[in-house]
């Protein structure tokens, strides 16, 4: 190898080695865009290797067997016990966002509205145990609005609007 070749090859070699270990030294990667099918955030100290946050794609839920299911975005967050804290996806058929809980906060990061489900006693069994069921609740300024759905037997039928009526 000539002197001139060495002046070209060695700087390029050191540049390539430096670029290869840069993220190992700085413990970060900088990029303008990342293209991938799934991004999983893990705790390197967790021996299970469980993903705490997953951002990816999944098949959309479709109730129509004649339609092909579309692929939609997914955000999933779990705690250290593996319990799902947040599962946010999109139902392409019904055009809605599906989530277990919705929090609305103000500029001071105080929760003002919470829409979620709660476990409530359903009925008392003959052996004294109580069955539990889920019901939707709305908290406004940390106060339960207390809206309850009437039992089916006591509900009055909703009158039907004529076809040309507007709301």
N, C-alpha and C. Protein backbone atom coordinates (compact mmCIF):
# COMPACT_ATOMS: atom_id res chain seq x y z
N UNK A 1 0.85 -1.17 0.00
CA UNK A 1 0.00 0.00 0.00
C UNK A 1 0.90 1.23 0.00
N UNK A 2 0.58 2.14 -0.85
CA UNK A 2 1.41 3.34 -0.98
C UNK A 2 1.06 4.33 0.14
N UNK A 3 1.93 5.32 0.29
CA UNK A 3 1.72 6.37 1.29
C UNK A 3 0.41 7.11 1.04
N UNK A 4 0.13 7.40 -0.21
CA UNK A 4 -1.08 8.12 -0.58
C UNK A 4 -2.33 7.30 -0.23
N UNK A 5 -2.31 6.00 -0.49
CA UNK A 5 -3.45 5.13 -0.17
C UNK A 5 -3.70 5.08 1.34
N UNK A 6 -2.59 5.07 2.12
CA UNK A 6 -2.73 5.06 3.57
C UNK A 6 -3.42 6.32 4.07
N UNK A 7 -3.12 7.46 3.47
CA UNK A 7 -3.73 8.74 3.88
C UNK A 7 -5.22 8.76 3.54
N UNK A 8 -5.67 7.91 2.67
CA UNK A 8 -7.10 7.83 2.32
C UNK A 8 -7.79 6.73 3.14
N UNK A 9 -7.21 5.56 3.21
CA UNK A 9 -7.84 4.40 3.83
C UNK A 9 -7.94 4.53 5.35
N UNK A 10 -6.87 4.89 6.04
CA UNK A 10 -6.89 4.94 7.50
C UNK A 10 -7.87 5.97 8.06
N UNK A 11 -7.94 7.17 7.56
CA UNK A 11 -8.99 8.09 8.07
C UNK A 11 -10.41 7.55 7.84
N UNK A 12 -10.65 6.94 6.69
CA UNK A 12 -11.96 6.36 6.43
C UNK A 12 -12.25 5.20 7.39
N UNK A 13 -11.25 4.40 7.68
CA UNK A 13 -11.40 3.29 8.60
C UNK A 13 -11.76 3.79 10.00
N UNK A 14 -11.04 4.80 10.50
CA UNK A 14 -11.32 5.33 11.83
C UNK A 14 -12.67 6.04 11.88
N UNK A 15 -13.05 6.70 10.81
CA UNK A 15 -14.36 7.33 10.75
C UNK A 15 -15.47 6.27 10.83
N UNK A 16 -15.32 5.19 10.09
CA UNK A 16 -16.32 4.11 10.10
C UNK A 16 -16.40 3.46 11.48
N UNK A 17 -15.27 3.21 12.12
CA UNK A 17 -15.27 2.62 13.46
C UNK A 17 -15.91 3.57 14.47
N UNK A 18 -15.61 4.87 14.37
CA UNK A 18 -16.21 5.85 15.27
C UNK A 18 -17.72 5.94 15.09
N UNK A 19 -18.18 5.91 13.86
CA UNK A 19 -19.62 5.97 13.60
C UNK A 19 -20.32 4.71 14.12
N UNK A 20 -19.64 3.58 14.06
CA UNK A 20 -20.24 2.32 14.50
C UNK A 20 -20.41 2.27 16.02
N UNK A 21 -19.51 2.87 16.79
CA UNK A 21 -19.59 2.80 18.25
C UNK A 21 -20.18 4.08 18.86
N UNK A 22 -20.56 5.05 18.04
CA UNK A 22 -21.10 6.31 18.56
C UNK A 22 -22.33 6.10 19.43
N UNK A 23 -23.29 5.30 18.96
CA UNK A 23 -24.50 5.07 19.75
C UNK A 23 -24.21 4.28 21.02
N UNK A 24 -23.15 3.48 21.03
CA UNK A 24 -22.79 2.72 22.23
C UNK A 24 -22.21 3.63 23.30
N UNK A 25 -21.49 4.65 22.87
CA UNK A 25 -20.87 5.59 23.82
C UNK A 25 -21.90 6.59 24.32
N UNK A 26 -22.71 7.15 23.44
CA UNK A 26 -23.68 8.17 23.81
C UNK A 26 -24.99 7.60 24.36
N UNK A 27 -25.22 6.31 24.18
CA UNK A 27 -26.44 5.62 24.62
C UNK A 27 -27.69 6.23 24.00
N UNK A 28 -27.60 6.64 22.74
CA UNK A 28 -28.76 7.15 22.02
C UNK A 28 -28.48 7.09 20.53
N UNK A 29 -29.58 7.10 19.78
CA UNK A 29 -29.49 7.12 18.33
C UNK A 29 -30.31 8.31 17.86
N UNK A 30 -29.73 9.14 17.03
CA UNK A 30 -30.44 10.28 16.47
C UNK A 30 -30.79 9.98 15.03
N UNK A 31 -32.06 10.18 14.70
CA UNK A 31 -32.50 9.96 13.33
C UNK A 31 -33.71 10.85 13.06
N UNK A 32 -33.87 11.26 11.82
CA UNK A 32 -35.04 12.07 11.46
C UNK A 32 -36.27 11.19 11.31
N UNK A 33 -36.13 10.03 10.76
CA UNK A 33 -37.24 9.12 10.56
C UNK A 33 -36.78 7.69 10.82
N UNK A 34 -37.69 6.90 11.36
CA UNK A 34 -37.43 5.48 11.57
C UNK A 34 -38.58 4.72 10.94
N UNK A 35 -38.29 3.76 10.11
CA UNK A 35 -39.31 2.92 9.48
C UNK A 35 -39.19 1.52 10.03
N UNK A 36 -40.26 1.05 10.65
CA UNK A 36 -40.25 -0.31 11.18
C UNK A 36 -41.70 -0.78 11.33
N UNK A 37 -41.90 -2.06 11.49
CA UNK A 37 -43.25 -2.60 11.69
C UNK A 37 -43.64 -2.60 13.14
N UNK A 38 -42.69 -2.64 14.05
CA UNK A 38 -43.00 -2.69 15.47
C UNK A 38 -41.86 -2.05 16.25
N UNK A 39 -42.23 -1.29 17.28
CA UNK A 39 -41.25 -0.69 18.17
C UNK A 39 -41.61 -1.11 19.57
N UNK A 40 -40.70 -1.77 20.27
CA UNK A 40 -40.96 -2.26 21.62
C UNK A 40 -39.95 -1.65 22.58
N UNK A 41 -40.47 -1.11 23.69
CA UNK A 41 -39.63 -0.52 24.73
C UNK A 41 -39.52 -1.55 25.84
N UNK A 42 -38.29 -1.95 26.17
CA UNK A 42 -38.08 -2.96 27.20
C UNK A 42 -37.19 -2.40 28.29
N UNK A 43 -37.25 -3.01 29.47
CA UNK A 43 -36.34 -2.69 30.56
C UNK A 43 -35.22 -3.73 30.50
N UNK A 44 -34.01 -3.29 30.28
CA UNK A 44 -32.90 -4.23 30.12
C UNK A 44 -32.60 -4.99 31.40
N UNK A 45 -33.07 -4.47 32.55
CA UNK A 45 -32.84 -5.17 33.80
C UNK A 45 -33.93 -6.19 34.11
N UNK A 46 -35.00 -6.20 33.32
CA UNK A 46 -36.09 -7.16 33.51
C UNK A 46 -35.68 -8.48 32.86
N UNK A 47 -35.57 -9.56 33.64
CA UNK A 47 -35.11 -10.84 33.08
C UNK A 47 -36.10 -11.46 32.08
N UNK A 48 -37.38 -11.07 32.14
CA UNK A 48 -38.36 -11.67 31.23
C UNK A 48 -38.24 -11.11 29.81
N UNK A 49 -37.68 -9.92 29.66
CA UNK A 49 -37.58 -9.30 28.34
C UNK A 49 -38.91 -8.78 27.85
N UNK A 50 -39.87 -8.63 28.74
CA UNK A 50 -41.22 -8.17 28.39
C UNK A 50 -41.17 -6.73 27.89
N UNK A 51 -41.97 -6.45 26.88
CA UNK A 51 -42.08 -5.09 26.36
C UNK A 51 -43.05 -4.31 27.23
N UNK A 52 -42.63 -3.15 27.74
CA UNK A 52 -43.50 -2.31 28.55
C UNK A 52 -44.35 -1.41 27.68
N UNK A 53 -43.83 -1.01 26.54
CA UNK A 53 -44.57 -0.20 25.58
C UNK A 53 -44.38 -0.84 24.21
N UNK A 54 -45.47 -0.98 23.48
CA UNK A 54 -45.39 -1.53 22.13
C UNK A 54 -46.15 -0.61 21.20
N UNK A 55 -45.49 -0.24 20.14
CA UNK A 55 -46.08 0.59 19.10
C UNK A 55 -45.94 -0.21 17.82
N UNK A 56 -47.06 -0.56 17.21
CA UNK A 56 -46.97 -1.42 16.05
C UNK A 56 -48.24 -1.42 15.24
N UNK A 57 -48.46 -2.53 14.55
CA UNK A 57 -49.65 -2.68 13.72
C UNK A 57 -50.34 -3.98 14.11
N UNK A 58 -51.63 -4.03 13.86
CA UNK A 58 -52.39 -5.25 14.10
C UNK A 58 -53.55 -5.28 13.12
N UNK A 59 -54.18 -6.42 13.03
CA UNK A 59 -55.36 -6.54 12.17
C UNK A 59 -56.53 -5.83 12.83
N UNK A 60 -57.29 -5.07 12.04
CA UNK A 60 -58.48 -4.41 12.55
C UNK A 60 -59.55 -5.44 12.85
N UNK A 61 -60.35 -5.16 13.86
CA UNK A 61 -61.46 -6.04 14.18
C UNK A 61 -62.57 -5.82 13.18
N UNK A 62 -63.05 -6.86 12.60
CA UNK A 62 -64.13 -6.75 11.61
C UNK A 62 -65.20 -7.77 11.95
N UNK A 63 -66.44 -7.32 12.01
CA UNK A 63 -67.54 -8.24 12.28
C UNK A 63 -68.12 -8.81 10.99
N UNK A 64 -67.67 -8.30 9.86
CA UNK A 64 -68.18 -8.76 8.57
C UNK A 64 -67.18 -9.75 7.97
N UNK A 65 -67.52 -11.05 7.91
CA UNK A 65 -66.55 -12.04 7.41
C UNK A 65 -66.25 -11.89 5.92
N UNK A 66 -67.06 -11.12 5.18
CA UNK A 66 -66.80 -10.96 3.74
C UNK A 66 -65.75 -9.90 3.47
N UNK A 67 -65.44 -9.06 4.47
CA UNK A 67 -64.45 -8.00 4.28
C UNK A 67 -63.09 -8.46 4.76
N UNK A 68 -62.07 -8.04 4.04
CA UNK A 68 -60.72 -8.30 4.49
C UNK A 68 -60.39 -7.32 5.61
N UNK A 69 -59.76 -7.82 6.65
CA UNK A 69 -59.40 -6.96 7.76
C UNK A 69 -58.24 -6.06 7.37
N UNK A 70 -58.38 -4.78 7.65
CA UNK A 70 -57.29 -3.84 7.41
C UNK A 70 -56.30 -3.91 8.55
N UNK A 71 -55.11 -3.40 8.30
CA UNK A 71 -54.11 -3.30 9.34
C UNK A 71 -54.18 -1.88 9.91
N UNK A 72 -54.14 -1.77 11.23
CA UNK A 72 -54.26 -0.48 11.89
C UNK A 72 -53.15 -0.33 12.91
N UNK A 73 -52.94 0.91 13.36
CA UNK A 73 -51.92 1.20 14.37
C UNK A 73 -52.36 0.74 15.75
N UNK A 74 -51.39 0.49 16.61
CA UNK A 74 -51.64 -0.03 17.96
C UNK A 74 -50.64 0.60 18.92
N UNK A 75 -51.12 1.02 20.09
CA UNK A 75 -50.27 1.46 21.18
C UNK A 75 -50.69 0.67 22.41
N UNK A 76 -49.74 -0.01 23.03
CA UNK A 76 -50.04 -0.86 24.19
C UNK A 76 -49.01 -0.59 25.27
N UNK A 77 -49.48 -0.37 26.51
CA UNK A 77 -48.60 -0.11 27.65
C UNK A 77 -48.96 -1.09 28.75
N UNK A 78 -47.94 -1.76 29.33
CA UNK A 78 -48.17 -2.70 30.43
C UNK A 78 -47.31 -2.29 31.62
N UNK A 79 -47.68 -2.77 32.83
CA UNK A 79 -46.87 -2.50 34.00
C UNK A 79 -45.90 -3.66 34.25
N UNK A 80 -45.15 -3.59 35.33
CA UNK A 80 -44.12 -4.59 35.59
C UNK A 80 -44.70 -5.97 35.90
N UNK A 81 -45.99 -6.04 36.26
CA UNK A 81 -46.63 -7.34 36.50
C UNK A 81 -47.26 -7.92 35.25
N UNK A 82 -47.16 -7.21 34.13
CA UNK A 82 -47.73 -7.70 32.89
C UNK A 82 -49.18 -7.30 32.67
N UNK A 83 -49.75 -6.52 33.60
CA UNK A 83 -51.13 -6.06 33.43
C UNK A 83 -51.17 -4.93 32.40
N UNK A 84 -52.14 -5.01 31.54
CA UNK A 84 -52.28 -4.01 30.49
C UNK A 84 -52.85 -2.72 31.08
N UNK A 85 -52.10 -1.62 30.97
CA UNK A 85 -52.55 -0.33 31.47
C UNK A 85 -53.27 0.46 30.40
N UNK A 86 -52.82 0.33 29.17
CA UNK A 86 -53.41 1.08 28.07
C UNK A 86 -53.32 0.24 26.82
N UNK A 87 -54.42 0.15 26.11
CA UNK A 87 -54.44 -0.54 24.82
C UNK A 87 -55.25 0.36 23.90
N UNK A 88 -54.59 1.04 23.01
CA UNK A 88 -55.25 1.99 22.14
C UNK A 88 -55.08 1.52 20.71
N UNK A 89 -56.20 1.25 20.07
CA UNK A 89 -56.16 0.88 18.67
C UNK A 89 -57.36 1.49 17.98
N UNK A 90 -57.57 1.15 16.74
CA UNK A 90 -58.63 1.75 15.96
C UNK A 90 -59.46 0.65 15.34
N UNK A 91 -60.76 0.74 15.47
CA UNK A 91 -61.64 -0.22 14.86
C UNK A 91 -62.04 0.34 13.50
N UNK A 92 -61.48 -0.21 12.44
CA UNK A 92 -61.67 0.34 11.09
C UNK A 92 -63.11 0.21 10.63
N UNK A 93 -63.83 -0.78 11.12
CA UNK A 93 -65.20 -0.99 10.67
C UNK A 93 -66.12 0.06 11.28
N UNK A 94 -65.98 0.32 12.57
CA UNK A 94 -66.88 1.23 13.27
C UNK A 94 -66.34 2.65 13.36
N UNK A 95 -65.12 2.90 12.87
CA UNK A 95 -64.51 4.23 12.88
C UNK A 95 -64.50 4.83 14.29
N UNK A 96 -63.89 4.15 15.23
CA UNK A 96 -63.82 4.67 16.58
C UNK A 96 -62.50 4.26 17.21
N UNK A 97 -62.11 4.99 18.22
CA UNK A 97 -60.93 4.68 19.01
C UNK A 97 -61.39 3.88 20.22
N UNK A 98 -60.68 2.83 20.53
CA UNK A 98 -61.05 1.95 21.63
C UNK A 98 -60.01 2.07 22.73
N UNK A 99 -60.45 2.37 23.93
CA UNK A 99 -59.54 2.51 25.06
C UNK A 99 -60.28 2.13 26.34
N UNK A 100 -59.56 1.72 27.36
CA UNK A 100 -60.18 1.36 28.63
C UNK A 100 -60.52 2.59 29.47
N UNK A 101 -59.76 3.65 29.32
CA UNK A 101 -60.00 4.84 30.13
C UNK A 101 -59.57 6.07 29.35
N UNK A 102 -60.33 7.14 29.51
CA UNK A 102 -60.02 8.41 28.88
C UNK A 102 -59.92 9.46 29.96
N UNK A 103 -58.77 10.12 30.06
CA UNK A 103 -58.56 11.21 31.02
C UNK A 103 -58.42 12.51 30.26
N UNK A 104 -59.11 13.54 30.72
CA UNK A 104 -58.96 14.88 30.15
C UNK A 104 -58.38 15.75 31.25
N UNK A 105 -57.25 16.38 30.95
CA UNK A 105 -56.54 17.17 31.95
C UNK A 105 -56.53 18.64 31.53
N UNK A 106 -56.31 19.52 32.53
CA UNK A 106 -56.23 20.95 32.24
C UNK A 106 -54.77 21.36 32.06
N UNK A 107 -54.53 22.66 31.96
CA UNK A 107 -53.17 23.16 31.72
C UNK A 107 -52.22 22.86 32.88
N UNK A 108 -52.76 22.63 34.09
CA UNK A 108 -51.93 22.31 35.25
C UNK A 108 -51.79 20.82 35.48
N UNK A 109 -52.13 20.01 34.47
CA UNK A 109 -52.07 18.55 34.54
C UNK A 109 -52.97 17.96 35.61
N UNK A 110 -54.06 18.62 35.93
CA UNK A 110 -55.05 18.10 36.86
C UNK A 110 -56.15 17.41 36.07
N UNK A 111 -56.52 16.18 36.48
CA UNK A 111 -57.59 15.47 35.79
C UNK A 111 -58.92 16.15 36.06
N UNK A 112 -59.63 16.47 35.01
CA UNK A 112 -60.93 17.11 35.13
C UNK A 112 -62.06 16.19 34.73
N UNK A 113 -61.85 15.34 33.73
CA UNK A 113 -62.87 14.40 33.30
C UNK A 113 -62.21 13.03 33.14
N UNK A 114 -62.87 12.01 33.67
CA UNK A 114 -62.40 10.62 33.52
C UNK A 114 -63.60 9.80 33.05
N UNK A 115 -63.42 9.11 31.94
CA UNK A 115 -64.43 8.20 31.44
C UNK A 115 -63.80 6.82 31.46
N UNK A 116 -64.43 5.87 32.17
CA UNK A 116 -63.83 4.55 32.34
C UNK A 116 -64.89 3.54 32.72
N UNK A 117 -64.47 2.32 32.99
CA UNK A 117 -65.36 1.29 33.52
C UNK A 117 -64.93 0.96 34.94
N UNK A 118 -65.92 0.60 35.75
CA UNK A 118 -65.66 0.18 37.13
C UNK A 118 -66.39 -1.13 37.40
N UNK A 119 -65.81 -1.94 38.26
CA UNK A 119 -66.46 -3.17 38.70
C UNK A 119 -67.48 -2.82 39.79
N UNK A 120 -68.71 -3.27 39.62
CA UNK A 120 -69.76 -3.03 40.61
C UNK A 120 -70.47 -4.36 40.89
N UNK A 121 -71.06 -4.50 42.10
CA UNK A 121 -71.82 -5.72 42.40
C UNK A 121 -73.02 -5.82 41.47
N UNK A 122 -73.25 -7.04 40.97
CA UNK A 122 -74.35 -7.24 40.03
C UNK A 122 -75.57 -7.83 40.73
N UNK A 123 -75.40 -9.00 41.33
CA UNK A 123 -76.52 -9.64 42.02
C UNK A 123 -75.98 -10.54 43.12
N UNK A 124 -76.83 -10.79 44.07
CA UNK A 124 -76.50 -11.63 45.21
C UNK A 124 -76.91 -13.07 44.91
N UNK A 125 -75.97 -13.98 45.01
CA UNK A 125 -76.25 -15.40 44.77
C UNK A 125 -76.82 -16.03 46.04
N UNK A 126 -77.50 -17.18 45.90
CA UNK A 126 -78.09 -17.85 47.08
C UNK A 126 -77.05 -18.22 48.14
N UNK A 127 -75.80 -18.46 47.74
CA UNK A 127 -74.79 -18.84 48.72
C UNK A 127 -74.18 -17.62 49.43
N UNK A 128 -74.69 -16.41 49.14
CA UNK A 128 -74.21 -15.21 49.81
C UNK A 128 -73.13 -14.45 49.06
N UNK A 129 -72.62 -15.03 47.98
CA UNK A 129 -71.59 -14.35 47.20
C UNK A 129 -72.24 -13.36 46.24
N UNK A 130 -71.48 -12.38 45.84
CA UNK A 130 -71.97 -11.36 44.92
C UNK A 130 -71.22 -11.47 43.60
N UNK A 131 -71.95 -11.46 42.51
CA UNK A 131 -71.29 -11.43 41.20
C UNK A 131 -70.97 -9.98 40.86
N UNK A 132 -69.91 -9.79 40.10
CA UNK A 132 -69.46 -8.45 39.72
C UNK A 132 -69.68 -8.26 38.22
N UNK A 133 -69.95 -7.03 37.85
CA UNK A 133 -70.08 -6.68 36.44
C UNK A 133 -69.41 -5.32 36.23
N UNK A 134 -69.15 -5.00 35.00
CA UNK A 134 -68.55 -3.70 34.69
C UNK A 134 -69.62 -2.74 34.24
N UNK A 135 -69.45 -1.48 34.60
CA UNK A 135 -70.35 -0.45 34.11
C UNK A 135 -69.53 0.79 33.78
N UNK A 136 -70.00 1.56 32.82
CA UNK A 136 -69.33 2.78 32.45
C UNK A 136 -69.61 3.88 33.44
N UNK A 137 -68.59 4.66 33.78
CA UNK A 137 -68.75 5.78 34.71
C UNK A 137 -68.06 7.01 34.15
N UNK A 138 -68.55 8.17 34.56
CA UNK A 138 -67.94 9.45 34.18
C UNK A 138 -67.69 10.22 35.47
N UNK A 139 -66.44 10.64 35.67
CA UNK A 139 -66.08 11.50 36.80
C UNK A 139 -65.81 12.89 36.24
N UNK A 140 -66.46 13.89 36.81
CA UNK A 140 -66.26 15.28 36.41
C UNK A 140 -65.75 16.03 37.63
N UNK A 141 -64.55 16.59 37.54
CA UNK A 141 -63.91 17.27 38.67
C UNK A 141 -63.89 16.39 39.92
N UNK A 142 -63.50 15.14 39.74
CA UNK A 142 -63.36 14.14 40.81
C UNK A 142 -64.68 13.79 41.48
N UNK A 143 -65.81 14.08 40.84
CA UNK A 143 -67.12 13.71 41.37
C UNK A 143 -67.79 12.76 40.38
N UNK A 144 -68.25 11.61 40.86
CA UNK A 144 -68.95 10.66 40.01
C UNK A 144 -70.30 11.28 39.62
N UNK A 145 -70.57 11.33 38.34
CA UNK A 145 -71.84 11.91 37.90
C UNK A 145 -73.03 11.07 38.31
N UNK A 146 -72.83 9.79 38.57
CA UNK A 146 -73.88 8.94 39.09
C UNK A 146 -74.96 8.59 38.08
N UNK A 147 -74.65 8.65 36.81
CA UNK A 147 -75.62 8.28 35.79
C UNK A 147 -75.75 6.76 35.80
N UNK A 148 -76.95 6.27 35.91
CA UNK A 148 -77.20 4.83 35.94
C UNK A 148 -78.19 4.47 34.84
N UNK A 149 -78.00 3.33 34.26
CA UNK A 149 -78.92 2.82 33.24
C UNK A 149 -80.04 2.08 33.95
N UNK A 150 -81.27 2.41 33.59
CA UNK A 150 -82.41 1.76 34.22
C UNK A 150 -82.45 0.29 33.82
N UNK A 151 -82.99 -0.59 34.69
CA UNK A 151 -83.12 -1.99 34.31
C UNK A 151 -83.99 -2.12 33.07
N UNK A 152 -83.75 -3.11 32.22
CA UNK A 152 -84.49 -3.23 30.96
C UNK A 152 -86.01 -3.25 31.13
N UNK A 153 -86.52 -3.84 32.20
CA UNK A 153 -87.96 -3.95 32.37
C UNK A 153 -88.61 -2.58 32.60
N UNK A 154 -87.90 -1.63 33.21
CA UNK A 154 -88.49 -0.34 33.53
C UNK A 154 -88.22 0.72 32.46
N UNK A 155 -87.45 0.39 31.44
CA UNK A 155 -87.17 1.37 30.38
C UNK A 155 -88.38 1.56 29.49
N UNK A 156 -88.61 2.81 29.13
CA UNK A 156 -89.68 3.11 28.20
C UNK A 156 -89.11 3.06 26.79
N UNK A 157 -89.88 2.57 25.82
CA UNK A 157 -89.35 2.54 24.46
C UNK A 157 -89.13 3.95 23.94
N UNK A 158 -88.07 4.12 23.19
CA UNK A 158 -87.76 5.41 22.59
C UNK A 158 -88.64 5.60 21.37
N UNK A 159 -89.38 6.73 21.30
CA UNK A 159 -90.24 6.93 20.12
C UNK A 159 -89.39 7.11 18.87
N UNK A 160 -89.87 6.54 17.78
CA UNK A 160 -89.14 6.62 16.52
C UNK A 160 -89.51 7.92 15.82
N UNK A 161 -88.49 8.57 15.26
CA UNK A 161 -88.71 9.81 14.51
C UNK A 161 -89.18 9.48 13.10
N UNK A 162 -90.03 10.33 12.55
CA UNK A 162 -90.40 10.13 11.14
C UNK A 162 -89.18 10.30 10.26
N UNK A 163 -89.16 9.66 9.08
CA UNK A 163 -87.97 9.70 8.23
C UNK A 163 -87.54 11.11 7.83
N UNK A 164 -88.47 12.05 7.75
CA UNK A 164 -88.09 13.40 7.30
C UNK A 164 -87.80 14.34 8.48
N UNK A 165 -87.82 13.86 9.71
CA UNK A 165 -87.56 14.71 10.88
C UNK A 165 -86.07 14.94 11.04
N UNK A 166 -85.73 16.12 11.54
CA UNK A 166 -84.31 16.44 11.82
C UNK A 166 -84.15 16.68 13.28
N UNK A 167 -82.94 16.46 13.78
CA UNK A 167 -82.67 16.64 15.20
C UNK A 167 -82.33 18.05 15.53
